[in-house]
Amino acid sequence: MKVVYVTGCCGFIGGYVTRNCLSQGWRVIGVDKMTYASNPELLNEFEPNPNFKFIRSDINDLERLMECDYVINTAAESHVDNSIVDSKVFMHSNVNGVHHLLELILHKRQFRMPVFLHFSTDEVYGDIENGSHTEVDILKPSNPYSASKAAADMLVYAWARTFNVPYVIVRPTNNYGIGQYVEKLIPKSTKHLSLDKPIHLHDHGDPVRTWLHANDTARAVHTIIESGAVNEIYNISGNAQLPNKTVVQQIINTYYDKDLTNSWRHYVENIERAGQDVRYSVDDSKLKSLGWQAVAEFETELKNIVLHYKENFVW
């Protein structure tokens, strides 16, 4: 039986990771400071499980780590638009928070240091018009959010080199699924349709993103822990690469239950975003060599998500 910390356990990805770890029979110590993007209802699901212990705390304020095998760090500020408006909280959580966790792990060196499994992002590579980034490519972040994540990756490298802190870095593509906070494209678009407001679409919807279901992400973490190597980086790619405008078209068609592809622009408002990346793409053949692959079908899952938020309005 493994003992793992999951920081950000009430966040979107953290919730899926926590659920997966508990399903394996592992003991999970969940940490969350319960920000605006946290889902407190997840505690109703997790806390009845005797293998789950919850600590309400900012990761910067944790005083110590209990004996554990892994610290899975999903805690982060992740919305690019927010980072452009005010980057300070991103530096606090994404950089200072990672530094603090690395120091807590270092304090366990007289016993056995747990592996730091850190959630980075495909955005640290910057955009790429053709081809896909591999794990050895240089990092060229384009906005304050991705810069904060790249900075955290550099801290992990340095603590591994200087102090032998064991680590795994994962770099997933755009995650989606039920439970995502409504500032992200799919739930926000559905919410705006419910309010009869235009969907905000950056740069005419031309930027291309690769979509990865959060359940597939959680499965990837499990695969890496069971079959992967320590002191490695793993890209995690979804199986649907689409322009944002195509995703919005599908959202509109699903919401109104009819084909509005020829008139979808009636429902959107174009917004320019500074530093917008035109296309992200990562090569995850390294992870697939361990036996993992993304299995969620994007069109099917997208319909389920849109109908869920149509019936369950989230403020």
Protein backbone atom coordinates (compact mmCIF):
# COMPACT_ATOMS: atom_id res chain seq x y z
CA MET A 1 0.00 0.00 0.00
CA LYS A 2 1.37 3.38 -0.99
CA VAL A 3 0.99 6.56 1.04
CA VAL A 4 0.75 9.70 -1.08
CA TYR A 5 0.12 13.37 -0.59
CA VAL A 6 -2.09 15.05 -3.18
CA THR A 7 -1.83 18.81 -2.95
CA GLY A 8 -4.75 20.62 -4.50
CA CYS A 9 -6.94 17.58 -3.80
CA CYS A 10 -10.14 19.59 -4.14
CA GLY A 11 -9.08 21.15 -7.41
CA PHE A 12 -10.05 19.81 -10.82
CA ILE A 13 -7.09 17.58 -11.67
CA GLY A 14 -6.30 16.95 -8.02
CA GLY A 15 -9.79 15.59 -7.46
CA TYR A 16 -9.43 13.07 -10.27
CA VAL A 17 -5.96 12.05 -9.05
CA THR A 18 -7.20 11.64 -5.47
CA ARG A 19 -10.14 9.51 -6.63
CA ASN A 20 -7.84 7.29 -8.65
CA CYS A 21 -5.35 6.84 -5.81
CA LEU A 22 -8.11 5.89 -3.37
CA SER A 23 -9.50 3.40 -5.90
CA GLN A 24 -6.12 1.64 -5.79
CA GLY A 25 -6.44 1.22 -2.03
CA TRP A 26 -3.68 3.75 -1.34
CA ARG A 27 -3.65 6.05 1.66
CA VAL A 28 -4.07 9.67 0.58
CA ILE A 29 -3.27 12.80 2.55
CA GLY A 30 -5.11 15.55 0.71
CA VAL A 31 -4.01 19.17 1.05
CA ASP A 32 -6.03 22.12 -0.20
CA LYS A 33 -6.34 25.74 0.87
CA MET A 34 -9.86 25.87 -0.64
CA THR A 35 -9.52 28.74 -3.09
CA TYR A 36 -12.31 29.99 -5.34
CA ALA A 37 -11.56 27.15 -7.80
CA SER A 38 -11.70 24.35 -5.20
CA ASN A 39 -14.73 22.08 -5.02
CA PRO A 40 -15.69 21.47 -1.36
CA GLU A 41 -18.20 18.79 -2.44
CA LEU A 42 -15.27 16.50 -3.20
CA LEU A 43 -14.66 16.21 0.54
CA ASN A 44 -18.12 14.64 0.89
CA GLU A 45 -16.88 11.95 -1.47
CA PHE A 46 -13.38 11.48 -0.05
CA GLU A 47 -13.69 11.88 3.72
CA PRO A 48 -15.88 8.81 4.36
CA ASN A 49 -13.00 6.73 2.99
CA PRO A 50 -10.84 5.60 5.94
CA ASN A 51 -7.74 5.86 3.73
CA PHE A 52 -8.22 9.62 3.25
CA LYS A 53 -6.98 12.38 5.55
CA PHE A 54 -7.61 16.04 4.78
CA ILE A 55 -5.42 19.01 5.71
CA ARG A 56 -6.75 22.45 4.93
CA SER A 57 -3.66 24.52 4.22
CA ASP A 58 -1.78 26.59 1.70
CA ILE A 59 1.18 24.47 0.54
CA ASN A 60 3.41 27.36 1.62
CA ASP A 61 2.19 26.89 5.19
CA LEU A 62 2.70 23.14 5.63
CA GLU A 63 5.02 22.60 8.58
CA ARG A 64 6.04 19.01 7.89
CA LEU A 65 5.37 15.92 5.84
CA MET A 66 4.21 12.65 7.35
CA GLU A 67 5.93 9.47 6.18
CA CYS A 68 4.90 8.98 2.57
CA ASP A 69 6.02 7.54 -0.75
CA TYR A 70 5.01 10.34 -3.10
CA VAL A 71 4.08 14.01 -2.93
CA ILE A 72 1.83 14.58 -5.95
CA ASN A 73 1.68 18.32 -6.46
CA THR A 74 -1.36 19.46 -8.43
CA ALA A 75 -1.81 22.66 -6.40
CA ALA A 76 -1.46 25.66 -8.70
CA GLU A 77 -2.97 28.80 -10.08
CA SER A 78 -3.62 27.87 -13.70
CA HIS A 79 -5.76 30.43 -15.56
CA VAL A 80 -3.67 32.34 -18.10
CA ASP A 81 -5.99 35.36 -18.22
CA ASN A 82 -5.73 35.79 -14.45
CA SER A 83 -1.94 35.62 -14.62
CA ILE A 84 -1.88 38.43 -17.16
CA VAL A 85 -4.05 40.62 -14.93
CA ASP A 86 -2.07 39.91 -11.73
CA SER A 87 0.84 37.48 -11.57
CA LYS A 88 1.69 37.76 -7.86
CA VAL A 89 -0.53 34.92 -6.68
CA PHE A 90 0.90 32.72 -9.44
CA MET A 91 4.42 33.28 -8.15
CA HIS A 92 3.27 32.59 -4.60
CA SER A 93 1.57 29.27 -5.37
CA ASN A 94 3.43 27.98 -8.41
CA VAL A 95 6.99 29.02 -7.50
CA ASN A 96 7.20 29.68 -3.76
CA GLY A 97 4.87 26.76 -3.05
CA VAL A 98 7.03 24.34 -5.01
CA HIS A 99 10.15 25.63 -3.27
CA HIS A 100 8.51 25.03 0.11
CA LEU A 101 7.46 21.48 -0.80
CA LEU A 102 10.98 20.68 -2.02
CA GLU A 103 12.38 21.92 1.29
CA LEU A 104 9.92 19.76 3.24
CA ILE A 105 11.00 16.74 1.22
CA LEU A 106 14.65 17.63 1.80
CA HIS A 107 14.01 17.63 5.55
CA LYS A 108 13.16 13.91 5.27
CA ARG A 109 16.64 13.02 3.98
CA GLN A 110 17.76 11.51 7.29
CA PHE A 111 15.05 8.89 6.76
CA ARG A 112 13.82 8.43 3.18
CA MET A 113 12.78 11.25 0.90
CA PRO A 114 9.47 10.72 -0.91
CA VAL A 115 9.33 11.21 -4.68
CA PHE A 116 8.12 14.65 -5.71
CA LEU A 117 5.67 14.11 -8.59
CA HIS A 118 5.17 17.60 -9.91
CA PHE A 119 2.45 18.69 -12.31
CA SER A 120 3.88 21.04 -14.90
CA THR A 121 2.17 21.85 -18.22
CA ASP A 122 2.71 21.57 -21.96
CA GLU A 123 2.72 25.36 -22.02
CA VAL A 124 6.25 25.55 -20.59
CA TYR A 125 7.59 24.62 -24.03
CA GLY A 126 5.85 27.53 -25.71
CA ASP A 127 3.99 27.11 -28.95
CA ILE A 128 4.98 25.06 -31.96
CA GLU A 129 3.44 25.46 -35.41
CA ASN A 130 4.40 22.00 -36.67
CA GLY A 131 5.50 18.79 -34.97
CA SER A 132 5.51 18.09 -31.25
CA HIS A 133 7.73 18.91 -28.29
CA THR A 134 9.64 16.12 -26.59
CA GLU A 135 10.75 16.06 -22.98
CA VAL A 136 14.27 17.24 -23.85
CA ASP A 137 13.18 20.42 -25.66
CA ILE A 138 14.07 23.78 -24.14
CA LEU A 139 11.44 25.73 -22.24
CA LYS A 140 10.14 28.95 -23.80
CA PRO A 141 7.05 30.01 -21.84
CA SER A 142 4.92 32.80 -23.32
CA ASN A 143 2.88 34.18 -20.41
CA PRO A 144 3.18 34.67 -16.63
CA TYR A 145 1.34 31.42 -15.87
CA SER A 146 3.57 29.21 -18.00
CA ALA A 147 6.64 31.15 -16.83
CA SER A 148 5.75 30.35 -13.21
CA LYS A 149 5.40 26.67 -14.08
CA ALA A 150 8.72 26.65 -15.95
CA ALA A 151 10.38 28.31 -12.95
CA ALA A 152 9.03 25.54 -10.72
CA ASP A 153 10.47 22.93 -13.09
CA MET A 154 13.87 24.59 -12.77
CA LEU A 155 13.64 24.40 -8.99
CA VAL A 156 12.89 20.69 -9.20
CA TYR A 157 15.93 20.12 -11.45
CA ALA A 158 18.18 22.07 -9.08
CA TRP A 159 17.02 20.32 -5.89
CA ALA A 160 17.50 16.97 -7.62
CA ARG A 161 21.02 17.87 -8.77
CA THR A 162 22.20 19.49 -5.54
CA PHE A 163 20.29 17.56 -2.88
CA ASN A 164 19.29 14.32 -4.68
CA VAL A 165 15.60 14.99 -4.18
CA PRO A 166 13.85 12.28 -6.26
CA TYR A 167 11.31 13.63 -8.71
CA VAL A 168 8.99 13.03 -11.63
CA ILE A 169 7.70 15.92 -13.72
CA VAL A 170 4.56 15.45 -15.81
CA ARG A 171 3.53 17.87 -18.56
CA PRO A 172 -0.08 17.28 -19.59
CA THR A 173 -2.01 18.98 -22.38
CA ASN A 174 -5.35 20.81 -21.89
CA ASN A 175 -7.39 18.87 -19.34
CA TYR A 176 -11.17 18.70 -19.50
CA GLY A 177 -13.98 16.88 -17.71
CA ILE A 178 -16.92 17.34 -15.37
CA GLY A 179 -15.94 19.33 -12.28
CA GLN A 180 -13.71 21.88 -13.97
CA TYR A 181 -14.11 25.42 -12.67
CA VAL A 182 -16.16 27.69 -14.93
CA GLU A 183 -13.29 30.01 -15.89
CA LYS A 184 -12.07 27.39 -18.42
CA LEU A 185 -13.33 27.19 -22.00
CA ILE A 186 -15.83 24.32 -21.95
CA PRO A 187 -17.74 25.05 -18.71
CA LYS A 188 -17.51 28.83 -19.24
CA SER A 189 -18.91 28.57 -22.75
CA THR A 190 -21.82 26.48 -21.51
CA LYS A 191 -22.47 28.92 -18.69
CA HIS A 192 -22.54 31.87 -21.07
CA LEU A 193 -25.07 30.09 -23.29
CA SER A 194 -27.25 29.49 -20.21
CA LEU A 195 -27.07 33.21 -19.43
CA ASP A 196 -27.69 34.18 -23.07
CA LYS A 197 -24.30 35.89 -23.16
CA PRO A 198 -21.68 35.64 -25.93
CA ILE A 199 -18.89 33.10 -25.57
CA HIS A 200 -15.48 34.77 -25.27
CA LEU A 201 -13.17 33.29 -27.88
CA HIS A 202 -9.53 34.31 -28.02
CA ASP A 203 -8.01 35.34 -31.35
CA HIS A 204 -10.98 34.25 -33.47
CA GLY A 205 -10.71 30.70 -32.12
CA ASP A 206 -7.73 29.86 -34.30
CA PRO A 207 -5.32 28.66 -31.55
CA VAL A 208 -5.01 24.87 -31.48
CA ARG A 209 -5.08 22.85 -28.28
CA THR A 210 -4.81 19.13 -27.48
CA TRP A 211 -7.56 17.88 -25.18
CA LEU A 212 -6.88 15.33 -22.44
CA HIS A 213 -9.59 14.02 -20.12
CA ALA A 214 -8.70 14.42 -16.45
CA ASN A 215 -9.45 10.75 -15.83
CA ASP A 216 -6.82 9.82 -18.42
CA THR A 217 -4.42 12.18 -16.63
CA ALA A 218 -5.06 10.43 -13.33
CA ARG A 219 -4.49 7.07 -15.01
CA ALA A 220 -1.19 8.38 -16.39
CA VAL A 221 -0.04 9.28 -12.86
CA HIS A 222 -0.86 5.77 -11.67
CA THR A 223 1.01 4.24 -14.63
CA ILE A 224 4.09 6.36 -13.94
CA ILE A 225 4.13 5.51 -10.23
CA GLU A 226 3.72 1.79 -10.92
CA SER A 227 5.87 1.41 -14.04
CA GLY A 228 7.83 4.60 -14.68
CA ALA A 229 11.28 5.72 -13.61
CA VAL A 230 12.28 8.31 -11.04
CA ASN A 231 14.11 11.50 -12.07
CA GLU A 232 12.29 11.59 -15.41
CA ILE A 233 9.90 13.88 -17.28
CA TYR A 234 6.78 12.53 -18.97
CA ASN A 235 4.62 14.38 -21.46
CA ILE A 236 0.92 13.45 -21.31
CA SER A 237 -1.01 14.16 -24.49
CA GLY A 238 -4.69 13.89 -25.21
CA ASN A 239 -6.06 12.31 -28.38
CA ALA A 240 -7.98 15.28 -29.79
CA GLN A 241 -6.12 18.25 -31.30
CA LEU A 242 -8.54 20.94 -32.41
CA PRO A 243 -8.80 24.70 -32.97
CA ASN A 244 -10.73 26.33 -30.14
CA LYS A 245 -13.38 27.48 -32.60
CA THR A 246 -14.16 23.87 -33.48
CA VAL A 247 -14.64 23.04 -29.81
CA VAL A 248 -16.97 26.01 -29.38
CA GLN A 249 -18.93 24.99 -32.48
CA GLN A 250 -19.50 21.57 -30.94
CA ILE A 251 -20.51 23.11 -27.61
CA ILE A 252 -23.12 25.30 -29.31
CA ASN A 253 -24.49 22.43 -31.39
CA THR A 254 -24.78 20.22 -28.32
CA TYR A 255 -26.34 22.90 -26.13
CA TYR A 256 -29.08 23.72 -28.64
CA ASP A 257 -29.34 20.14 -29.95
CA LYS A 258 -29.09 21.19 -33.58
CA ASP A 259 -26.46 21.92 -36.19
CA LEU A 260 -25.58 25.61 -35.94
CA THR A 261 -22.13 25.23 -37.51
CA ASN A 262 -22.91 27.79 -40.20
CA SER A 263 -24.13 30.38 -37.69
CA TRP A 264 -22.01 29.67 -34.61
CA ARG A 265 -20.26 33.05 -34.81
CA HIS A 266 -23.55 34.65 -33.78
CA TYR A 267 -22.90 33.24 -30.29
CA VAL A 268 -19.31 34.39 -29.78
CA GLU A 269 -17.34 37.55 -29.09
CA ASN A 270 -13.70 37.75 -30.12
CA ILE A 271 -11.21 38.69 -27.41
CA GLU A 272 -7.52 39.32 -28.06
CA ARG A 273 -5.12 37.77 -25.56
CA ALA A 274 -1.58 39.10 -25.12
CA GLY A 275 1.09 36.48 -25.74
CA GLN A 276 -1.37 33.98 -27.20
CA ASP A 277 0.23 30.70 -28.28
CA VAL A 278 -0.93 29.47 -31.67
CA ARG A 279 -0.54 25.74 -31.06
CA TYR A 280 0.65 23.39 -28.33
CA SER A 281 1.64 19.81 -29.06
CA VAL A 282 3.70 17.28 -27.11
CA ASP A 283 5.08 13.87 -27.98
CA ASP A 284 4.10 11.38 -25.25
CA SER A 285 5.62 8.24 -26.78
CA LYS A 286 7.79 7.89 -23.67
CA LEU A 287 4.69 7.52 -21.49
CA LYS A 288 2.95 5.27 -24.01
CA SER A 289 5.92 2.92 -23.86
CA LEU A 290 4.80 2.15 -20.29
CA GLY A 291 1.46 0.90 -21.59
CA TRP A 292 -0.68 4.01 -21.09
CA GLN A 293 -2.78 5.75 -23.69
CA ALA A 294 -5.62 8.26 -23.63
CA VAL A 295 -8.93 6.42 -23.98
CA ALA A 296 -11.61 9.11 -23.53
CA GLU A 297 -13.43 10.00 -26.76
CA PHE A 298 -13.49 13.79 -26.94
CA GLU A 299 -16.78 14.27 -28.81
CA THR A 300 -18.66 11.89 -26.52
CA GLU A 301 -17.19 13.37 -23.33
CA LEU A 302 -17.75 16.94 -24.56
CA LYS A 303 -21.45 16.25 -25.08
CA ASN A 304 -21.71 14.76 -21.59
CA ILE A 305 -19.98 17.78 -20.05
CA VAL A 306 -22.09 20.36 -21.89
CA LEU A 307 -25.33 18.60 -20.95
CA HIS A 308 -24.14 18.31 -17.34
CA TYR A 309 -23.47 22.02 -17.03
CA LYS A 310 -26.66 22.85 -18.91
CA GLU A 311 -28.61 20.96 -16.23
CA ASN A 312 -26.37 21.95 -13.30
CA PHE A 313 -25.65 25.68 -13.41
CA VAL A 314 -22.43 26.60 -11.63
CA TRP A 315 -22.06 30.17 -10.36
